[in-house]
Amino acid sequence: VQLQASGGGLVQAGGSLNLSCVASGSEIRIGVMGWFRQAPGDQREVVARISARGLTGYGDSVKGRFTISKDNAKNTVYLQMNSLKPEDTAAYYCAQGAGWGAPAYWGQGTQVTVSS
């Protein structure tokens, strides 16, 4: 299973970015796909997740600003990030699991940097 994340970059506070994660060797329509992030010195935290049936869950710090979605036909998961804040700066990771527990597969990170 390979998860290829992209779309990170440098953006000013208040701006937007859209991350993509393409899966190969697995089907995103099965299980739970998620985005996690980790800033230097911090623990990895859940950003957003989406189930096979489209149920979503978000970390408290991103509710109302970030939206997770997926396109099963393209085997791709997206994370639309709006109203970005400097505290959103982190490496963002795509992950896949069988359920809402710890993911089994992780992609490489894509760096998001939000300047003030």
N, C-alpha and C. Protein backbone atom coordinates (compact mmCIF):
# COMPACT_ATOMS: atom_id res chain seq x y z
N VAL A 1 0.85 -1.19 0.00
CA VAL A 1 0.00 0.00 0.00
C VAL A 1 0.89 1.24 0.00
N GLN A 2 0.61 2.13 -0.92
CA GLN A 2 1.34 3.40 -0.96
C GLN A 2 0.35 4.55 -0.95
N LEU A 3 0.63 5.55 -0.12
CA LEU A 3 -0.20 6.74 -0.03
C LEU A 3 0.69 7.93 -0.36
N GLN A 4 0.36 8.61 -1.43
CA GLN A 4 1.18 9.71 -1.92
C GLN A 4 0.45 11.02 -1.67
N ALA A 5 0.95 11.80 -0.72
CA ALA A 5 0.34 13.08 -0.38
C ALA A 5 1.04 14.21 -1.13
N SER A 6 0.26 15.22 -1.47
CA SER A 6 0.81 16.39 -2.14
C SER A 6 -0.07 17.60 -1.85
N GLY A 7 0.42 18.78 -2.25
CA GLY A 7 -0.38 19.98 -2.11
C GLY A 7 0.06 20.92 -1.01
N GLY A 8 1.05 20.53 -0.24
CA GLY A 8 1.53 21.41 0.81
C GLY A 8 2.28 22.59 0.24
N GLY A 9 2.61 23.54 1.10
CA GLY A 9 3.34 24.71 0.66
C GLY A 9 3.33 25.80 1.70
N LEU A 10 3.74 26.97 1.26
CA LEU A 10 3.79 28.15 2.13
C LEU A 10 2.62 29.06 1.78
N VAL A 11 1.88 29.47 2.80
CA VAL A 11 0.71 30.32 2.58
C VAL A 11 0.62 31.32 3.73
N GLN A 12 0.04 32.46 3.43
CA GLN A 12 -0.15 33.45 4.49
C GLN A 12 -1.36 33.11 5.34
N ALA A 13 -1.36 33.58 6.55
CA ALA A 13 -2.51 33.36 7.44
C ALA A 13 -3.78 33.87 6.77
N GLY A 14 -4.82 33.07 6.91
CA GLY A 14 -6.09 33.39 6.26
C GLY A 14 -6.25 32.77 4.90
N GLY A 15 -5.17 32.22 4.38
CA GLY A 15 -5.21 31.61 3.06
C GLY A 15 -5.73 30.19 3.08
N SER A 16 -5.66 29.55 1.91
CA SER A 16 -6.20 28.20 1.75
C SER A 16 -5.20 27.30 1.03
N LEU A 17 -5.30 26.02 1.31
CA LEU A 17 -4.55 24.99 0.59
C LEU A 17 -5.44 23.78 0.45
N ASN A 18 -5.19 23.00 -0.59
CA ASN A 18 -5.93 21.76 -0.79
C ASN A 18 -4.94 20.62 -0.92
N LEU A 19 -4.93 19.73 0.04
CA LEU A 19 -4.04 18.57 0.00
C LEU A 19 -4.72 17.40 -0.69
N SER A 20 -3.92 16.60 -1.38
CA SER A 20 -4.42 15.39 -2.04
C SER A 20 -3.61 14.20 -1.59
N CYS A 21 -4.25 13.05 -1.56
CA CYS A 21 -3.58 11.80 -1.21
C CYS A 21 -4.09 10.72 -2.16
N VAL A 22 -3.20 10.22 -3.00
CA VAL A 22 -3.54 9.16 -3.94
C VAL A 22 -3.07 7.83 -3.38
N ALA A 23 -3.97 6.87 -3.34
CA ALA A 23 -3.64 5.55 -2.82
C ALA A 23 -3.40 4.57 -3.95
N SER A 24 -2.41 3.72 -3.76
CA SER A 24 -2.16 2.62 -4.70
C SER A 24 -1.93 1.36 -3.88
N GLY A 25 -2.41 0.26 -4.41
CA GLY A 25 -2.30 -1.00 -3.68
C GLY A 25 -3.42 -1.21 -2.69
N SER A 26 -4.35 -0.27 -2.62
CA SER A 26 -5.51 -0.42 -1.76
C SER A 26 -6.63 0.42 -2.33
N GLU A 27 -7.84 0.21 -1.83
CA GLU A 27 -8.98 1.00 -2.27
C GLU A 27 -9.48 1.87 -1.13
N ILE A 28 -9.58 3.17 -1.39
CA ILE A 28 -9.98 4.07 -0.31
C ILE A 28 -11.45 3.91 0.06
N ARG A 29 -12.22 3.21 -0.80
CA ARG A 29 -13.64 3.04 -0.48
C ARG A 29 -13.82 2.05 0.67
N ILE A 30 -12.72 1.38 1.02
CA ILE A 30 -12.76 0.42 2.12
C ILE A 30 -12.04 1.01 3.33
N GLY A 31 -12.62 0.94 4.49
CA GLY A 31 -11.95 1.41 5.69
C GLY A 31 -12.08 2.91 5.90
N VAL A 32 -11.19 3.45 6.70
CA VAL A 32 -11.21 4.85 7.07
C VAL A 32 -9.93 5.52 6.58
N MET A 33 -10.10 6.61 5.86
CA MET A 33 -8.96 7.42 5.41
C MET A 33 -8.84 8.64 6.32
N GLY A 34 -7.63 9.08 6.53
CA GLY A 34 -7.48 10.22 7.42
C GLY A 34 -6.28 11.08 7.11
N TRP A 35 -6.33 12.29 7.64
CA TRP A 35 -5.22 13.21 7.61
C TRP A 35 -4.79 13.47 9.06
N PHE A 36 -3.50 13.41 9.28
CA PHE A 36 -2.91 13.69 10.58
C PHE A 36 -1.84 14.75 10.38
N ARG A 37 -1.41 15.38 11.44
CA ARG A 37 -0.33 16.35 11.32
C ARG A 37 0.57 16.29 12.55
N GLN A 38 1.80 16.72 12.31
CA GLN A 38 2.77 16.74 13.40
C GLN A 38 3.69 17.93 13.21
N ALA A 39 3.72 18.78 14.22
CA ALA A 39 4.63 19.92 14.24
C ALA A 39 5.87 19.53 15.05
N PRO A 40 6.99 20.17 14.80
CA PRO A 40 8.22 19.84 15.54
C PRO A 40 8.01 19.94 17.04
N GLY A 41 8.39 18.88 17.74
CA GLY A 41 8.27 18.87 19.19
C GLY A 41 6.90 18.47 19.70
N ASP A 42 5.94 18.30 18.80
CA ASP A 42 4.58 17.93 19.20
C ASP A 42 4.27 16.48 18.81
N GLN A 43 3.22 15.94 19.43
CA GLN A 43 2.76 14.61 19.04
C GLN A 43 1.91 14.71 17.78
N ARG A 44 1.86 13.60 17.07
CA ARG A 44 1.01 13.55 15.88
C ARG A 44 -0.44 13.61 16.32
N GLU A 45 -1.25 14.39 15.63
CA GLU A 45 -2.65 14.53 16.00
C GLU A 45 -3.56 14.32 14.79
N VAL A 46 -4.78 13.91 15.10
CA VAL A 46 -5.78 13.71 14.06
C VAL A 46 -6.26 15.06 13.56
N VAL A 47 -6.33 15.20 12.25
CA VAL A 47 -6.89 16.41 11.64
C VAL A 47 -8.31 16.12 11.17
N ALA A 48 -8.46 15.09 10.35
CA ALA A 48 -9.77 14.75 9.81
C ALA A 48 -9.74 13.31 9.32
N ARG A 49 -10.90 12.65 9.38
CA ARG A 49 -11.02 11.29 8.87
C ARG A 49 -12.36 11.12 8.18
N ILE A 50 -12.40 10.16 7.27
CA ILE A 50 -13.63 9.89 6.53
C ILE A 50 -13.77 8.39 6.36
N SER A 51 -14.97 7.88 6.63
CA SER A 51 -15.20 6.44 6.57
C SER A 51 -15.58 6.01 5.16
N ALA A 52 -15.72 4.71 5.01
CA ALA A 52 -16.10 4.15 3.72
C ALA A 52 -17.45 4.72 3.26
N ARG A 53 -18.33 4.98 4.20
CA ARG A 53 -19.66 5.48 3.84
C ARG A 53 -19.74 7.00 3.84
N GLY A 54 -18.58 7.65 4.07
CA GLY A 54 -18.57 9.11 3.99
C GLY A 54 -18.78 9.83 5.30
N LEU A 55 -18.84 9.12 6.40
CA LEU A 55 -18.94 9.77 7.70
C LEU A 55 -17.61 10.46 8.00
N THR A 56 -17.66 11.66 8.54
CA THR A 56 -16.45 12.41 8.78
C THR A 56 -16.28 12.77 10.25
N GLY A 57 -15.04 12.99 10.63
CA GLY A 57 -14.71 13.44 11.97
C GLY A 57 -13.51 14.38 11.89
N TYR A 58 -13.51 15.40 12.76
CA TYR A 58 -12.47 16.42 12.71
C TYR A 58 -11.87 16.68 14.09
N GLY A 59 -10.60 17.09 14.07
CA GLY A 59 -10.01 17.55 15.31
C GLY A 59 -10.64 18.88 15.70
N ASP A 60 -10.72 19.15 16.99
CA ASP A 60 -11.39 20.35 17.47
C ASP A 60 -10.79 21.63 16.89
N SER A 61 -9.49 21.63 16.68
CA SER A 61 -8.82 22.86 16.25
C SER A 61 -9.08 23.22 14.79
N VAL A 62 -9.63 22.27 14.02
CA VAL A 62 -9.84 22.55 12.60
C VAL A 62 -11.31 22.54 12.20
N LYS A 63 -12.20 22.21 13.13
CA LYS A 63 -13.62 22.17 12.81
C LYS A 63 -14.10 23.51 12.27
N GLY A 64 -14.84 23.44 11.17
CA GLY A 64 -15.37 24.66 10.55
C GLY A 64 -14.41 25.31 9.58
N ARG A 65 -13.16 24.85 9.56
CA ARG A 65 -12.17 25.44 8.63
C ARG A 65 -11.68 24.43 7.60
N PHE A 66 -11.56 23.18 8.00
CA PHE A 66 -11.05 22.13 7.11
C PHE A 66 -12.19 21.20 6.70
N THR A 67 -12.08 20.67 5.49
CA THR A 67 -13.07 19.71 4.99
C THR A 67 -12.35 18.55 4.32
N ILE A 68 -12.67 17.34 4.76
CA ILE A 68 -12.13 16.14 4.14
C ILE A 68 -13.16 15.58 3.17
N SER A 69 -12.67 15.09 2.04
CA SER A 69 -13.55 14.48 1.05
C SER A 69 -12.76 13.42 0.31
N LYS A 70 -13.46 12.64 -0.48
CA LYS A 70 -12.77 11.61 -1.25
C LYS A 70 -13.47 11.36 -2.57
N ASP A 71 -12.71 10.85 -3.50
CA ASP A 71 -13.22 10.45 -4.81
C ASP A 71 -12.81 9.00 -5.00
N ASN A 72 -13.76 8.09 -4.77
CA ASN A 72 -13.43 6.66 -4.86
C ASN A 72 -12.94 6.27 -6.25
N ALA A 73 -13.50 6.88 -7.27
CA ALA A 73 -13.12 6.55 -8.64
C ALA A 73 -11.65 6.90 -8.91
N LYS A 74 -11.18 7.96 -8.27
CA LYS A 74 -9.78 8.38 -8.43
C LYS A 74 -8.89 7.84 -7.32
N ASN A 75 -9.51 7.11 -6.39
CA ASN A 75 -8.75 6.57 -5.24
C ASN A 75 -7.96 7.68 -4.54
N THR A 76 -8.60 8.81 -4.37
CA THR A 76 -7.93 10.00 -3.85
C THR A 76 -8.75 10.62 -2.71
N VAL A 77 -8.05 11.04 -1.68
CA VAL A 77 -8.64 11.74 -0.56
C VAL A 77 -8.10 13.17 -0.56
N TYR A 78 -8.97 14.11 -0.20
CA TYR A 78 -8.60 15.52 -0.22
C TYR A 78 -8.77 16.14 1.17
N LEU A 79 -8.02 17.18 1.40
CA LEU A 79 -8.22 17.99 2.60
C LEU A 79 -8.19 19.46 2.18
N GLN A 80 -9.37 20.06 2.17
CA GLN A 80 -9.46 21.49 1.86
C GLN A 80 -9.28 22.25 3.16
N MET A 81 -8.28 23.11 3.18
CA MET A 81 -7.94 23.86 4.39
C MET A 81 -8.15 25.34 4.13
N ASN A 82 -9.08 25.93 4.84
CA ASN A 82 -9.38 27.36 4.71
C ASN A 82 -9.06 28.08 6.01
N SER A 83 -8.98 29.39 5.91
CA SER A 83 -8.71 30.23 7.09
C SER A 83 -7.51 29.71 7.87
N LEU A 84 -6.45 29.44 7.17
CA LEU A 84 -5.28 28.85 7.80
C LEU A 84 -4.65 29.79 8.82
N LYS A 85 -4.13 29.19 9.88
CA LYS A 85 -3.50 29.94 10.96
C LYS A 85 -2.05 29.48 11.12
N PRO A 86 -1.19 30.31 11.67
CA PRO A 86 0.20 29.88 11.88
C PRO A 86 0.30 28.58 12.67
N GLU A 87 -0.61 28.34 13.59
CA GLU A 87 -0.57 27.11 14.38
C GLU A 87 -0.96 25.87 13.58
N ASP A 88 -1.39 26.05 12.34
CA ASP A 88 -1.65 24.91 11.46
C ASP A 88 -0.36 24.42 10.80
N THR A 89 0.73 25.13 10.99
CA THR A 89 2.01 24.73 10.42
C THR A 89 2.44 23.38 10.96
N ALA A 90 2.68 22.44 10.04
CA ALA A 90 3.04 21.07 10.43
C ALA A 90 3.29 20.26 9.17
N ALA A 91 3.82 19.06 9.37
CA ALA A 91 3.85 18.07 8.30
C ALA A 91 2.52 17.33 8.35
N TYR A 92 1.86 17.23 7.23
CA TYR A 92 0.56 16.58 7.14
C TYR A 92 0.72 15.20 6.48
N TYR A 93 0.13 14.21 7.13
CA TYR A 93 0.26 12.82 6.68
C TYR A 93 -1.10 12.24 6.34
N CYS A 94 -1.13 11.49 5.25
CA CYS A 94 -2.30 10.74 4.87
C CYS A 94 -2.17 9.33 5.45
N ALA A 95 -3.28 8.74 5.86
CA ALA A 95 -3.24 7.41 6.47
C ALA A 95 -4.51 6.64 6.16
N GLN A 96 -4.40 5.33 6.23
CA GLN A 96 -5.54 4.45 5.98
C GLN A 96 -5.60 3.37 7.04
N GLY A 97 -6.81 3.10 7.53
CA GLY A 97 -6.99 2.03 8.49
C GLY A 97 -8.28 1.28 8.24
N ALA A 98 -8.42 0.17 8.95
CA ALA A 98 -9.62 -0.65 8.79
C ALA A 98 -10.83 0.00 9.47
N GLY A 99 -10.58 0.79 10.50
CA GLY A 99 -11.66 1.45 11.23
C GLY A 99 -11.19 2.77 11.78
N TRP A 100 -11.83 3.20 12.88
CA TRP A 100 -11.52 4.51 13.46
C TRP A 100 -10.34 4.46 14.43
N GLY A 101 -9.73 3.30 14.56
CA GLY A 101 -8.57 3.19 15.42
C GLY A 101 -7.30 3.63 14.72
N ALA A 102 -6.18 3.19 15.24
CA ALA A 102 -4.89 3.60 14.68
C ALA A 102 -4.76 3.11 13.23
N PRO A 103 -4.33 3.99 12.33
CA PRO A 103 -4.17 3.58 10.93
C PRO A 103 -3.10 2.51 10.77
N ALA A 104 -3.28 1.70 9.72
CA ALA A 104 -2.30 0.65 9.43
C ALA A 104 -1.26 1.11 8.43
N TYR A 105 -1.63 2.08 7.60
CA TYR A 105 -0.74 2.53 6.55
C TYR A 105 -0.61 4.05 6.59
N TRP A 106 0.63 4.49 6.34
CA TRP A 106 0.93 5.92 6.37
C TRP A 106 1.65 6.33 5.10
N GLY A 107 1.34 7.52 4.63
CA GLY A 107 2.08 8.09 3.52
C GLY A 107 3.19 8.98 4.04
N GLN A 108 3.96 9.52 3.12
CA GLN A 108 4.99 10.48 3.53
C GLN A 108 4.31 11.81 3.81
N GLY A 109 4.92 12.65 4.55
CA GLY A 109 4.30 13.92 4.89
C GLY A 109 4.45 14.96 3.80
N THR A 110 3.52 15.90 3.81
CA THR A 110 3.64 17.09 2.97
C THR A 110 3.61 18.30 3.90
N GLN A 111 4.58 19.18 3.74
CA GLN A 111 4.75 20.28 4.67
C GLN A 111 3.81 21.43 4.37
N VAL A 112 3.13 21.89 5.41
CA VAL A 112 2.29 23.09 5.32
C VAL A 112 2.88 24.12 6.27
N THR A 113 3.18 25.29 5.73
CA THR A 113 3.73 26.38 6.54
C THR A 113 2.85 27.61 6.36
N VAL A 114 2.35 28.12 7.47
CA VAL A 114 1.46 29.28 7.44
C VAL A 114 2.19 30.45 8.10
N SER A 115 2.41 31.49 7.34
CA SER A 115 3.11 32.66 7.87
C SER A 115 2.11 33.67 8.43
N SER A 116 2.55 34.39 9.45
CA SER A 116 1.65 35.37 10.07
C SER A 116 1.78 36.74 9.43
